[in-house]
Every structure is written in C-alpha cells, then in structure tokens.
Amino acid sequence: MTTTHGAQRVPPLPPQERDDRQAALVEAAGAEFGVFTTLVRNPDLFADFLPFGRRLLRESSLDARERELLIMRTAFRCGARYEWSHHEVIGRRAGLTDEDLAVLARAEIDERDPARSLLLRVADELVAGHVLTDPTWADLAAAYPVPQIIEICMLVGEYAMLAGVLNSLGVQIEPGYPQPPWDT
C-alpha cells in the first residue's frame, strides 16, 4: 500500500467559487482555514459537522488543558499534521507547556504527571483499539463523572475521524503555523 502522506488531494474551495450557502458556512466557521474551506466542498456534511465540532472545542465541560492534551495526543497517534499544528497554538493558549508538547509527541507515556498520563493513555487506547481497557476505565471513572467520560470518548473519536479525513484529503498547514515535531 502506497500513501503519499501530506500531498494535497482536495484543494480548498476559493471564495469566488463558493455558492451563497458555502460562503455562509465558512463565515460561520469563523476563519478561512483549510479545514473549513476544504470540507465546505460537501456543504451538507460540513453544515452538520460544524456544530458538533464547535460544541466539543468551545463548549467542552473539560478543562481546556485536558481537552487539548486529548486532542493533541489523538493528532500524534493519527499522524494528523494539520490537527497538531493548529492545536499546538490552541493548546499553548490553554496552558500546554513545552514539556507537555514533548511528552505528547513520544510513543511512550511519561508517568511523572498522573493526570496527564491518564489522558494520554485514554487517547492511545481509543485510537488504537477503539475501547478503554478495564484499568484505564477504572482510573478515568475515579477522576471524572460519567458525562465527562462520555465527552472524552466522543472528543477523541471526533478528532480521530477528522484526522483521517484531513490526512486523506491532504489539507495543508497554513503559513505561520508550526510543523509537527515528527516533520522536523
């Protein structure tokens, strides 16, 4: 199986080629980012996806740092360059440190921060096997109420799905955004 990882397969839809609905959807998304301007090529799916993505990102019941640890670990495990790049910026605003970023981009889990290592283990298990092991479930249940556990599972699942889409379409990182550490 040959995959040209990172090659653009579906270009963003330029503003002059968007119909009124597509233009309104990109405007509602709030930015001319490649993720939006590419996904808007399927306006029905994008219209349904946008509120769910917004809910998980902007209205999360999780602490912003916790949310970003989960998203970025999912991006790392999925080789999602675009997700990593944008969420490195968002994650730093949410309090992620250089140490966090280094730990997120390593295969092994650094156990020095138990709360962080739990979230990384959760993301790893959900991406790799699509299920949490009993020990991880027990640790998660001791730290989070059931509604947040559901949100954690949905968050990782949504970002894993998005990683597959963006990787497959070849959505490119915008100028000025950092490259993932595995690209340097």
N, C-alpha and C. Protein backbone atom coordinates (compact mmCIF):
# COMPACT_ATOMS: atom_id res chain seq x y z
N MET A 1 0.85 -1.18 0.00
CA MET A 1 0.00 0.00 0.00
C MET A 1 0.89 1.24 0.00
N THR A 2 0.66 2.12 -0.94
CA THR A 2 1.44 3.35 -1.04
C THR A 2 0.54 4.53 -0.73
N THR A 3 1.00 5.38 0.18
CA THR A 3 0.28 6.59 0.53
C THR A 3 1.26 7.75 0.48
N THR A 4 0.92 8.79 -0.24
CA THR A 4 1.73 9.99 -0.25
C THR A 4 1.21 10.88 0.87
N HIS A 5 1.77 10.67 2.06
CA HIS A 5 1.29 11.41 3.23
C HIS A 5 1.64 12.89 3.09
N GLY A 6 0.65 13.70 3.21
CA GLY A 6 0.86 15.13 3.18
C GLY A 6 0.60 15.78 1.84
N ALA A 7 0.44 15.00 0.79
CA ALA A 7 0.17 15.59 -0.53
C ALA A 7 -1.28 16.08 -0.59
N GLN A 8 -1.47 17.28 -1.11
CA GLN A 8 -2.82 17.82 -1.23
C GLN A 8 -3.58 17.06 -2.32
N ARG A 9 -4.71 16.51 -1.94
CA ARG A 9 -5.56 15.79 -2.89
C ARG A 9 -6.81 16.57 -3.24
N VAL A 10 -7.33 17.31 -2.26
CA VAL A 10 -8.52 18.13 -2.48
C VAL A 10 -8.17 19.55 -2.04
N PRO A 11 -8.11 20.47 -2.97
CA PRO A 11 -7.74 21.84 -2.60
C PRO A 11 -8.89 22.56 -1.91
N PRO A 12 -8.55 23.56 -1.11
CA PRO A 12 -9.60 24.40 -0.52
C PRO A 12 -10.43 25.04 -1.62
N LEU A 13 -11.69 25.30 -1.32
CA LEU A 13 -12.58 25.94 -2.27
C LEU A 13 -12.38 27.46 -2.18
N PRO A 14 -11.88 28.08 -3.24
CA PRO A 14 -11.64 29.53 -3.20
C PRO A 14 -12.95 30.31 -3.02
N PRO A 15 -12.88 31.48 -2.39
CA PRO A 15 -14.09 32.27 -2.15
C PRO A 15 -14.91 32.53 -3.41
N GLN A 16 -14.27 32.80 -4.51
CA GLN A 16 -15.00 33.12 -5.74
C GLN A 16 -15.74 31.93 -6.33
N GLU A 17 -15.43 30.72 -5.87
CA GLU A 17 -16.11 29.52 -6.38
C GLU A 17 -17.20 29.01 -5.43
N ARG A 18 -17.36 29.66 -4.28
CA ARG A 18 -18.36 29.22 -3.30
C ARG A 18 -19.73 29.78 -3.65
N ASP A 19 -20.75 28.93 -3.46
CA ASP A 19 -22.10 29.46 -3.59
C ASP A 19 -22.45 30.17 -2.27
N ASP A 20 -23.63 30.74 -2.21
CA ASP A 20 -24.00 31.52 -1.02
C ASP A 20 -23.98 30.68 0.25
N ARG A 21 -24.48 29.46 0.15
CA ARG A 21 -24.50 28.60 1.34
C ARG A 21 -23.09 28.26 1.80
N GLN A 22 -22.22 27.91 0.86
CA GLN A 22 -20.84 27.59 1.22
C GLN A 22 -20.14 28.80 1.84
N ALA A 23 -20.37 29.97 1.28
CA ALA A 23 -19.78 31.19 1.83
C ALA A 23 -20.27 31.44 3.25
N ALA A 24 -21.56 31.22 3.47
CA ALA A 24 -22.13 31.42 4.82
C ALA A 24 -21.56 30.40 5.81
N LEU A 25 -21.36 29.17 5.37
CA LEU A 25 -20.80 28.15 6.25
C LEU A 25 -19.37 28.47 6.66
N VAL A 26 -18.56 28.90 5.70
CA VAL A 26 -17.18 29.26 6.04
C VAL A 26 -17.17 30.47 6.97
N GLU A 27 -18.05 31.42 6.72
CA GLU A 27 -18.15 32.58 7.60
C GLU A 27 -18.57 32.15 9.01
N ALA A 28 -19.52 31.22 9.10
CA ALA A 28 -19.96 30.73 10.41
C ALA A 28 -18.84 29.98 11.12
N ALA A 29 -17.96 29.34 10.35
CA ALA A 29 -16.83 28.63 10.96
C ALA A 29 -15.85 29.61 11.59
N GLY A 30 -15.81 30.83 11.08
CA GLY A 30 -15.04 31.87 11.73
C GLY A 30 -13.64 32.12 11.19
N ALA A 31 -13.21 31.36 10.18
CA ALA A 31 -11.86 31.58 9.65
C ALA A 31 -11.71 30.91 8.29
N GLU A 32 -10.81 31.44 7.52
CA GLU A 32 -10.50 30.88 6.19
C GLU A 32 -9.43 29.79 6.32
N PHE A 33 -9.61 28.88 7.26
CA PHE A 33 -8.66 27.79 7.45
C PHE A 33 -8.95 26.68 6.44
N GLY A 34 -7.89 26.00 6.05
CA GLY A 34 -8.01 24.91 5.09
C GLY A 34 -8.99 23.83 5.50
N VAL A 35 -9.09 23.55 6.79
CA VAL A 35 -10.04 22.55 7.25
C VAL A 35 -11.46 22.94 6.84
N PHE A 36 -11.80 24.20 6.99
CA PHE A 36 -13.15 24.66 6.67
C PHE A 36 -13.35 24.82 5.16
N THR A 37 -12.37 25.43 4.50
CA THR A 37 -12.53 25.72 3.08
C THR A 37 -12.42 24.47 2.21
N THR A 38 -11.91 23.40 2.79
CA THR A 38 -11.89 22.11 2.07
C THR A 38 -13.17 21.33 2.36
N LEU A 39 -13.53 21.21 3.63
CA LEU A 39 -14.72 20.44 3.99
C LEU A 39 -16.00 21.06 3.43
N VAL A 40 -16.00 22.37 3.19
CA VAL A 40 -17.19 23.03 2.67
C VAL A 40 -17.52 22.59 1.25
N ARG A 41 -16.62 21.85 0.62
CA ARG A 41 -16.92 21.28 -0.70
C ARG A 41 -18.09 20.30 -0.62
N ASN A 42 -18.35 19.78 0.59
CA ASN A 42 -19.56 18.98 0.84
C ASN A 42 -20.38 19.77 1.87
N PRO A 43 -21.17 20.73 1.42
CA PRO A 43 -21.83 21.64 2.35
C PRO A 43 -22.81 20.97 3.30
N ASP A 44 -23.48 19.90 2.86
CA ASP A 44 -24.43 19.23 3.76
C ASP A 44 -23.71 18.61 4.95
N LEU A 45 -22.64 17.86 4.68
CA LEU A 45 -21.88 17.25 5.78
C LEU A 45 -21.22 18.31 6.65
N PHE A 46 -20.64 19.33 6.02
CA PHE A 46 -19.98 20.38 6.78
C PHE A 46 -20.97 21.11 7.68
N ALA A 47 -22.15 21.37 7.18
CA ALA A 47 -23.18 22.05 7.98
C ALA A 47 -23.55 21.22 9.21
N ASP A 48 -23.58 19.90 9.07
CA ASP A 48 -23.89 19.04 10.22
C ASP A 48 -22.69 18.90 11.16
N PHE A 49 -21.50 18.87 10.59
CA PHE A 49 -20.28 18.67 11.38
C PHE A 49 -19.94 19.90 12.22
N LEU A 50 -20.12 21.06 11.67
CA LEU A 50 -19.68 22.31 12.31
C LEU A 50 -20.22 22.49 13.73
N PRO A 51 -21.50 22.31 14.00
CA PRO A 51 -21.97 22.50 15.38
C PRO A 51 -21.38 21.47 16.36
N PHE A 52 -21.19 20.24 15.90
CA PHE A 52 -20.62 19.21 16.78
C PHE A 52 -19.17 19.54 17.11
N GLY A 53 -18.39 19.90 16.10
CA GLY A 53 -17.01 20.28 16.33
C GLY A 53 -16.90 21.49 17.24
N ARG A 54 -17.77 22.46 17.01
CA ARG A 54 -17.78 23.67 17.84
C ARG A 54 -18.13 23.31 19.29
N ARG A 55 -19.10 22.44 19.46
CA ARG A 55 -19.51 22.01 20.80
C ARG A 55 -18.34 21.39 21.56
N LEU A 56 -17.61 20.49 20.89
CA LEU A 56 -16.51 19.81 21.56
C LEU A 56 -15.33 20.74 21.83
N LEU A 57 -15.12 21.71 20.97
CA LEU A 57 -13.98 22.60 21.13
C LEU A 57 -14.29 23.80 22.03
N ARG A 58 -15.41 24.42 21.82
CA ARG A 58 -15.68 25.70 22.50
C ARG A 58 -16.60 25.59 23.70
N GLU A 59 -17.33 24.49 23.81
CA GLU A 59 -18.29 24.37 24.91
C GLU A 59 -18.03 23.12 25.74
N SER A 60 -16.81 22.69 25.75
CA SER A 60 -16.43 21.47 26.47
C SER A 60 -16.62 21.64 27.97
N SER A 61 -17.01 20.57 28.62
CA SER A 61 -17.08 20.58 30.08
C SER A 61 -15.72 20.28 30.69
N LEU A 62 -14.77 19.90 29.85
CA LEU A 62 -13.42 19.61 30.32
C LEU A 62 -12.63 20.90 30.46
N ASP A 63 -11.65 20.88 31.31
CA ASP A 63 -10.69 21.97 31.39
C ASP A 63 -10.00 22.08 30.03
N ALA A 64 -9.72 23.29 29.58
CA ALA A 64 -9.14 23.49 28.25
C ALA A 64 -7.82 22.73 28.08
N ARG A 65 -7.00 22.68 29.11
CA ARG A 65 -5.74 21.94 29.03
C ARG A 65 -6.00 20.46 28.84
N GLU A 66 -6.94 19.91 29.60
CA GLU A 66 -7.28 18.49 29.45
C GLU A 66 -7.76 18.19 28.03
N ARG A 67 -8.64 19.05 27.55
CA ARG A 67 -9.18 18.88 26.19
C ARG A 67 -8.05 18.87 25.17
N GLU A 68 -7.13 19.80 25.29
CA GLU A 68 -6.04 19.89 24.32
C GLU A 68 -5.05 18.73 24.44
N LEU A 69 -4.83 18.23 25.65
CA LEU A 69 -3.99 17.03 25.80
C LEU A 69 -4.60 15.87 25.02
N LEU A 70 -5.90 15.69 25.13
CA LEU A 70 -6.59 14.61 24.42
C LEU A 70 -6.54 14.81 22.90
N ILE A 71 -6.82 16.03 22.46
CA ILE A 71 -6.82 16.31 21.02
C ILE A 71 -5.43 16.12 20.43
N MET A 72 -4.43 16.66 21.09
CA MET A 72 -3.08 16.60 20.52
C MET A 72 -2.51 15.19 20.57
N ARG A 73 -2.85 14.42 21.60
CA ARG A 73 -2.38 13.04 21.62
C ARG A 73 -3.05 12.24 20.51
N THR A 74 -4.32 12.52 20.28
CA THR A 74 -5.03 11.88 19.17
C THR A 74 -4.37 12.28 17.85
N ALA A 75 -4.05 13.54 17.69
CA ALA A 75 -3.38 14.01 16.46
C ALA A 75 -2.05 13.29 16.28
N PHE A 76 -1.28 13.17 17.34
CA PHE A 76 0.00 12.47 17.25
C PHE A 76 -0.20 11.02 16.85
N ARG A 77 -1.11 10.33 17.51
CA ARG A 77 -1.33 8.91 17.23
C ARG A 77 -1.87 8.68 15.82
N CYS A 78 -2.57 9.66 15.28
CA CYS A 78 -3.13 9.54 13.92
C CYS A 78 -2.22 10.14 12.86
N GLY A 79 -1.07 10.69 13.27
CA GLY A 79 -0.19 11.35 12.31
C GLY A 79 -0.86 12.53 11.64
N ALA A 80 -1.69 13.22 12.40
CA ALA A 80 -2.51 14.31 11.87
C ALA A 80 -1.75 15.63 11.98
N ARG A 81 -1.01 15.92 10.94
CA ARG A 81 -0.16 17.11 10.90
C ARG A 81 -0.97 18.40 11.07
N TYR A 82 -2.07 18.50 10.33
CA TYR A 82 -2.87 19.72 10.36
C TYR A 82 -3.47 19.93 11.76
N GLU A 83 -4.05 18.88 12.32
CA GLU A 83 -4.63 18.99 13.66
C GLU A 83 -3.56 19.40 14.67
N TRP A 84 -2.42 18.72 14.62
CA TRP A 84 -1.35 19.04 15.58
C TRP A 84 -0.98 20.52 15.46
N SER A 85 -0.76 20.97 14.24
CA SER A 85 -0.30 22.33 14.00
C SER A 85 -1.26 23.37 14.61
N HIS A 86 -2.52 23.24 14.31
CA HIS A 86 -3.49 24.21 14.82
C HIS A 86 -3.69 24.06 16.33
N HIS A 87 -3.67 22.83 16.81
CA HIS A 87 -3.90 22.65 18.24
C HIS A 87 -2.66 22.90 19.08
N GLU A 88 -1.50 22.95 18.46
CA GLU A 88 -0.34 23.43 19.23
C GLU A 88 -0.57 24.89 19.63
N VAL A 89 -1.08 25.68 18.72
CA VAL A 89 -1.37 27.09 19.00
C VAL A 89 -2.50 27.18 20.05
N ILE A 90 -3.58 26.46 19.82
CA ILE A 90 -4.71 26.48 20.76
C ILE A 90 -4.27 25.92 22.11
N GLY A 91 -3.51 24.84 22.08
CA GLY A 91 -3.05 24.20 23.32
C GLY A 91 -2.16 25.11 24.16
N ARG A 92 -1.28 25.83 23.52
CA ARG A 92 -0.44 26.76 24.28
C ARG A 92 -1.30 27.82 24.97
N ARG A 93 -2.33 28.30 24.27
CA ARG A 93 -3.25 29.27 24.90
C ARG A 93 -3.99 28.63 26.08
N ALA A 94 -4.17 27.31 26.02
CA ALA A 94 -4.88 26.60 27.08
C ALA A 94 -3.95 26.17 28.22
N GLY A 95 -2.67 26.50 28.09
CA GLY A 95 -1.74 26.21 29.18
C GLY A 95 -0.77 25.06 28.93
N LEU A 96 -0.77 24.48 27.75
CA LEU A 96 0.21 23.43 27.47
C LEU A 96 1.60 24.03 27.43
N THR A 97 2.54 23.31 28.01
CA THR A 97 3.93 23.78 28.09
C THR A 97 4.78 23.06 27.04
N ASP A 98 6.02 23.51 26.92
CA ASP A 98 6.96 22.82 26.03
C ASP A 98 7.12 21.36 26.47
N GLU A 99 7.16 21.13 27.78
CA GLU A 99 7.27 19.76 28.29
C GLU A 99 6.06 18.93 27.87
N ASP A 100 4.86 19.49 28.01
CA ASP A 100 3.65 18.78 27.57
C ASP A 100 3.77 18.39 26.10
N LEU A 101 4.16 19.34 25.26
CA LEU A 101 4.25 19.08 23.82
C LEU A 101 5.27 17.99 23.52
N ALA A 102 6.38 18.01 24.23
CA ALA A 102 7.39 16.96 24.02
C ALA A 102 6.85 15.59 24.43
N VAL A 103 6.15 15.54 25.55
CA VAL A 103 5.58 14.28 26.03
C VAL A 103 4.50 13.78 25.08
N LEU A 104 3.69 14.69 24.57
CA LEU A 104 2.61 14.31 23.66
C LEU A 104 3.12 13.65 22.38
N ALA A 105 4.31 14.04 21.95
CA ALA A 105 4.86 13.58 20.67
C ALA A 105 5.84 12.42 20.84
N ARG A 106 5.75 11.70 21.95
CA ARG A 106 6.57 10.50 22.16
C ARG A 106 5.67 9.29 22.28
N ALA A 107 6.11 8.17 21.76
CA ALA A 107 5.29 6.96 21.79
C ALA A 107 5.03 6.49 23.22
N GLU A 108 6.06 6.52 24.05
CA GLU A 108 5.87 6.07 25.44
C GLU A 108 5.22 7.18 26.25
N ILE A 109 4.53 6.77 27.30
CA ILE A 109 3.84 7.74 28.16
C ILE A 109 4.71 8.05 29.36
N ASP A 110 4.96 9.33 29.57
CA ASP A 110 5.71 9.81 30.73
C ASP A 110 4.76 9.80 31.92
N GLU A 111 5.09 9.04 32.93
CA GLU A 111 4.19 8.84 34.09
C GLU A 111 4.38 9.87 35.21
N ARG A 112 5.26 10.86 35.01
CA ARG A 112 5.53 11.81 36.09
C ARG A 112 4.32 12.66 36.47
N ASP A 113 3.43 12.90 35.53
CA ASP A 113 2.21 13.67 35.79
C ASP A 113 1.04 12.70 35.64
N PRO A 114 0.52 12.16 36.75
CA PRO A 114 -0.51 11.12 36.66
C PRO A 114 -1.78 11.55 35.91
N ALA A 115 -2.21 12.79 36.08
CA ALA A 115 -3.42 13.24 35.38
C ALA A 115 -3.17 13.30 33.88
N ARG A 116 -2.04 13.83 33.49
CA ARG A 116 -1.70 13.89 32.07
C ARG A 116 -1.52 12.49 31.50
N SER A 117 -0.82 11.62 32.21
CA SER A 117 -0.57 10.28 31.68
C SER A 117 -1.88 9.49 31.52
N LEU A 118 -2.85 9.73 32.39
CA LEU A 118 -4.14 9.07 32.24
C LEU A 118 -4.81 9.49 30.93
N LEU A 119 -4.82 10.79 30.65
CA LEU A 119 -5.46 11.28 29.43
C LEU A 119 -4.74 10.76 28.18
N LEU A 120 -3.42 10.69 28.23
CA LEU A 120 -2.68 10.15 27.09
C LEU A 120 -2.99 8.67 26.89
N ARG A 121 -3.08 7.94 27.98
CA ARG A 121 -3.43 6.51 27.90
C ARG A 121 -4.83 6.34 27.30
N VAL A 122 -5.76 7.19 27.72
CA VAL A 122 -7.13 7.15 27.19
C VAL A 122 -7.10 7.37 25.68
N ALA A 123 -6.43 8.42 25.23
CA ALA A 123 -6.36 8.70 23.79
C ALA A 123 -5.69 7.55 23.04
N ASP A 124 -4.61 7.04 23.58
CA ASP A 124 -3.90 5.94 22.93
C ASP A 124 -4.80 4.73 22.75
N GLU A 125 -5.52 4.36 23.80
CA GLU A 125 -6.38 3.18 23.73
C GLU A 125 -7.55 3.38 22.78
N LEU A 126 -8.15 4.56 22.82
CA LEU A 126 -9.30 4.81 21.94
C LEU A 126 -8.88 4.86 20.47
N VAL A 127 -7.71 5.43 20.19
CA VAL A 127 -7.25 5.47 18.80
C VAL A 127 -6.84 4.08 18.32
N ALA A 128 -6.11 3.35 19.14
CA ALA A 128 -5.57 2.06 18.70
C ALA A 128 -6.62 0.95 18.66
N GLY A 129 -7.43 0.85 19.72
CA GLY A 129 -8.36 -0.27 19.81
C GLY A 129 -9.82 0.10 19.87
N HIS A 130 -10.10 1.40 19.93
CA HIS A 130 -11.47 1.91 19.98
C HIS A 130 -12.23 1.45 21.22
N VAL A 131 -11.49 1.17 22.29
CA VAL A 131 -12.12 0.78 23.55
C VAL A 131 -11.11 1.05 24.67
N LEU A 132 -11.65 1.40 25.83
CA LEU A 132 -10.80 1.58 27.01
C LEU A 132 -10.66 0.26 27.75
N THR A 133 -9.46 -0.04 28.20
CA THR A 133 -9.24 -1.24 29.00
C THR A 133 -9.89 -1.04 30.37
N ASP A 134 -10.11 -2.11 31.07
CA ASP A 134 -10.72 -2.02 32.41
C ASP A 134 -9.89 -1.17 33.36
N PRO A 135 -8.55 -1.33 33.41
CA PRO A 135 -7.78 -0.46 34.32
C PRO A 135 -7.88 1.02 33.96
N THR A 136 -7.85 1.34 32.68
CA THR A 136 -7.97 2.74 32.28
C THR A 136 -9.36 3.27 32.60
N TRP A 137 -10.37 2.45 32.35
CA TRP A 137 -11.74 2.85 32.70
C TRP A 137 -11.84 3.15 34.19
N ALA A 138 -11.29 2.28 35.02
CA ALA A 138 -11.35 2.46 36.47
C ALA A 138 -10.67 3.77 36.87
N ASP A 139 -9.51 4.04 36.30
CA ASP A 139 -8.81 5.28 36.63
C ASP A 139 -9.58 6.51 36.15
N LEU A 140 -10.16 6.42 34.97
CA LEU A 140 -10.94 7.53 34.42
C LEU A 140 -12.19 7.77 35.26
N ALA A 141 -12.87 6.68 35.65
CA ALA A 141 -14.09 6.78 36.47
C ALA A 141 -13.80 7.34 37.86
N ALA A 142 -12.59 7.14 38.35
CA ALA A 142 -12.21 7.70 39.65
C ALA A 142 -11.95 9.20 39.56
N ALA A 143 -11.66 9.69 38.35
CA ALA A 143 -11.29 11.09 38.19
C ALA A 143 -12.36 11.96 37.54
N TYR A 144 -13.30 11.35 36.80
CA TYR A 144 -14.28 12.11 36.03
C TYR A 144 -15.67 11.51 36.21
N PRO A 145 -16.70 12.37 36.21
CA PRO A 145 -18.08 11.86 36.23
C PRO A 145 -18.44 11.28 34.86
N VAL A 146 -19.45 10.44 34.84
CA VAL A 146 -19.86 9.75 33.60
C VAL A 146 -20.10 10.71 32.44
N PRO A 147 -20.79 11.84 32.62
CA PRO A 147 -20.98 12.72 31.46
C PRO A 147 -19.66 13.18 30.84
N GLN A 148 -18.65 13.43 31.67
CA GLN A 148 -17.36 13.83 31.11
C GLN A 148 -16.63 12.65 30.46
N ILE A 149 -16.81 11.46 30.98
CA ILE A 149 -16.21 10.29 30.33
C ILE A 149 -16.80 10.11 28.94
N ILE A 150 -18.10 10.29 28.83
CA ILE A 150 -18.74 10.21 27.51
C ILE A 150 -18.14 11.28 26.59
N GLU A 151 -18.00 12.50 27.10
CA GLU A 151 -17.43 13.58 26.29
C GLU A 151 -15.99 13.27 25.88
N ILE A 152 -15.21 12.72 26.79
CA ILE A 152 -13.82 12.36 26.48
C ILE A 152 -13.78 11.36 25.33
N CYS A 153 -14.61 10.34 25.41
CA CYS A 153 -14.65 9.34 24.34
C CYS A 153 -15.11 9.96 23.02
N MET A 154 -16.10 10.82 23.07
CA MET A 154 -16.59 11.48 21.86
C MET A 154 -15.53 12.42 21.27
N LEU A 155 -14.83 13.14 22.15
CA LEU A 155 -13.80 14.07 21.71
C LEU A 155 -12.69 13.34 20.96
N VAL A 156 -12.17 12.28 21.55
CA VAL A 156 -11.11 11.52 20.88
C VAL A 156 -11.63 10.92 19.58
N GLY A 157 -12.83 10.37 19.60
CA GLY A 157 -13.41 9.80 18.38
C GLY A 157 -13.59 10.82 17.28
N GLU A 158 -14.07 12.00 17.62
CA GLU A 158 -14.29 13.05 16.62
C GLU A 158 -12.96 13.50 16.02
N TYR A 159 -11.94 13.67 16.84
CA TYR A 159 -10.65 14.12 16.32
C TYR A 159 -9.93 13.01 15.56
N ALA A 160 -10.15 11.76 15.92
CA ALA A 160 -9.58 10.66 15.13
C ALA A 160 -10.25 10.61 13.75
N MET A 161 -11.56 10.79 13.73
CA MET A 161 -12.28 10.83 12.45
C MET A 161 -11.78 11.99 11.59
N LEU A 162 -11.69 13.17 12.19
CA LEU A 162 -11.23 14.34 11.46
C LEU A 162 -9.80 14.15 10.97
N ALA A 163 -8.96 13.50 11.76
CA ALA A 163 -7.58 13.22 11.34
C ALA A 163 -7.57 12.39 10.06
N GLY A 164 -8.40 11.36 10.02
CA GLY A 164 -8.46 10.52 8.83
C GLY A 164 -8.92 11.30 7.61
N VAL A 165 -9.88 12.18 7.80
CA VAL A 165 -10.38 13.00 6.69
C VAL A 165 -9.30 13.97 6.22
N LEU A 166 -8.72 14.72 7.13
CA LEU A 166 -7.73 15.74 6.74
C LEU A 166 -6.48 15.10 6.16
N ASN A 167 -6.04 13.98 6.74
CA ASN A 167 -4.88 13.27 6.20
C ASN A 167 -5.18 12.76 4.79
N SER A 168 -6.35 12.19 4.60
CA SER A 168 -6.70 11.61 3.30
C SER A 168 -6.90 12.66 2.23
N LEU A 169 -7.49 13.79 2.59
CA LEU A 169 -7.71 14.88 1.63
C LEU A 169 -6.44 15.67 1.38
N GLY A 170 -5.48 15.55 2.30
CA GLY A 170 -4.23 16.29 2.15
C GLY A 170 -4.35 17.77 2.46
N VAL A 171 -5.17 18.10 3.45
CA VAL A 171 -5.33 19.51 3.83
C VAL A 171 -3.98 20.01 4.36
N GLN A 172 -3.54 21.13 3.81
CA GLN A 172 -2.21 21.67 4.09
C GLN A 172 -2.22 22.65 5.26
N ILE A 173 -1.13 22.64 6.00
CA ILE A 173 -0.95 23.58 7.11
C ILE A 173 -0.73 24.98 6.54
N GLU A 174 -1.44 25.95 7.09
CA GLU A 174 -1.31 27.33 6.64
C GLU A 174 0.07 27.89 7.03
N PRO A 175 0.57 28.84 6.22
CA PRO A 175 1.82 29.51 6.58
C PRO A 175 1.71 30.15 7.95
N GLY A 176 2.80 30.06 8.70
CA GLY A 176 2.85 30.66 10.03
C GLY A 176 2.47 29.71 11.14
N TYR A 177 1.93 28.55 10.81
CA TYR A 177 1.59 27.57 11.83
C TYR A 177 2.76 26.60 11.98
N PRO A 178 2.98 26.11 13.20
CA PRO A 178 4.14 25.23 13.43
C PRO A 178 3.97 23.87 12.74
N GLN A 179 5.10 23.31 12.35
CA GLN A 179 5.12 21.95 11.83
C GLN A 179 5.16 20.99 13.01
N PRO A 180 4.52 19.84 12.90
CA PRO A 180 4.60 18.85 13.99
C PRO A 180 6.05 18.41 14.21
N PRO A 181 6.40 18.03 15.42
CA PRO A 181 7.78 17.66 15.70
C PRO A 181 8.26 16.44 14.91
N TRP A 182 7.34 15.59 14.48
CA TRP A 182 7.77 14.42 13.71
C TRP A 182 8.09 14.79 12.27
N ASP A 183 7.81 16.06 11.85
CA ASP A 183 8.12 16.54 10.50
C ASP A 183 9.46 17.27 10.44
N THR A 184 10.03 17.55 11.59
CA THR A 184 11.25 18.39 11.58
C THR A 184 12.50 17.56 11.49
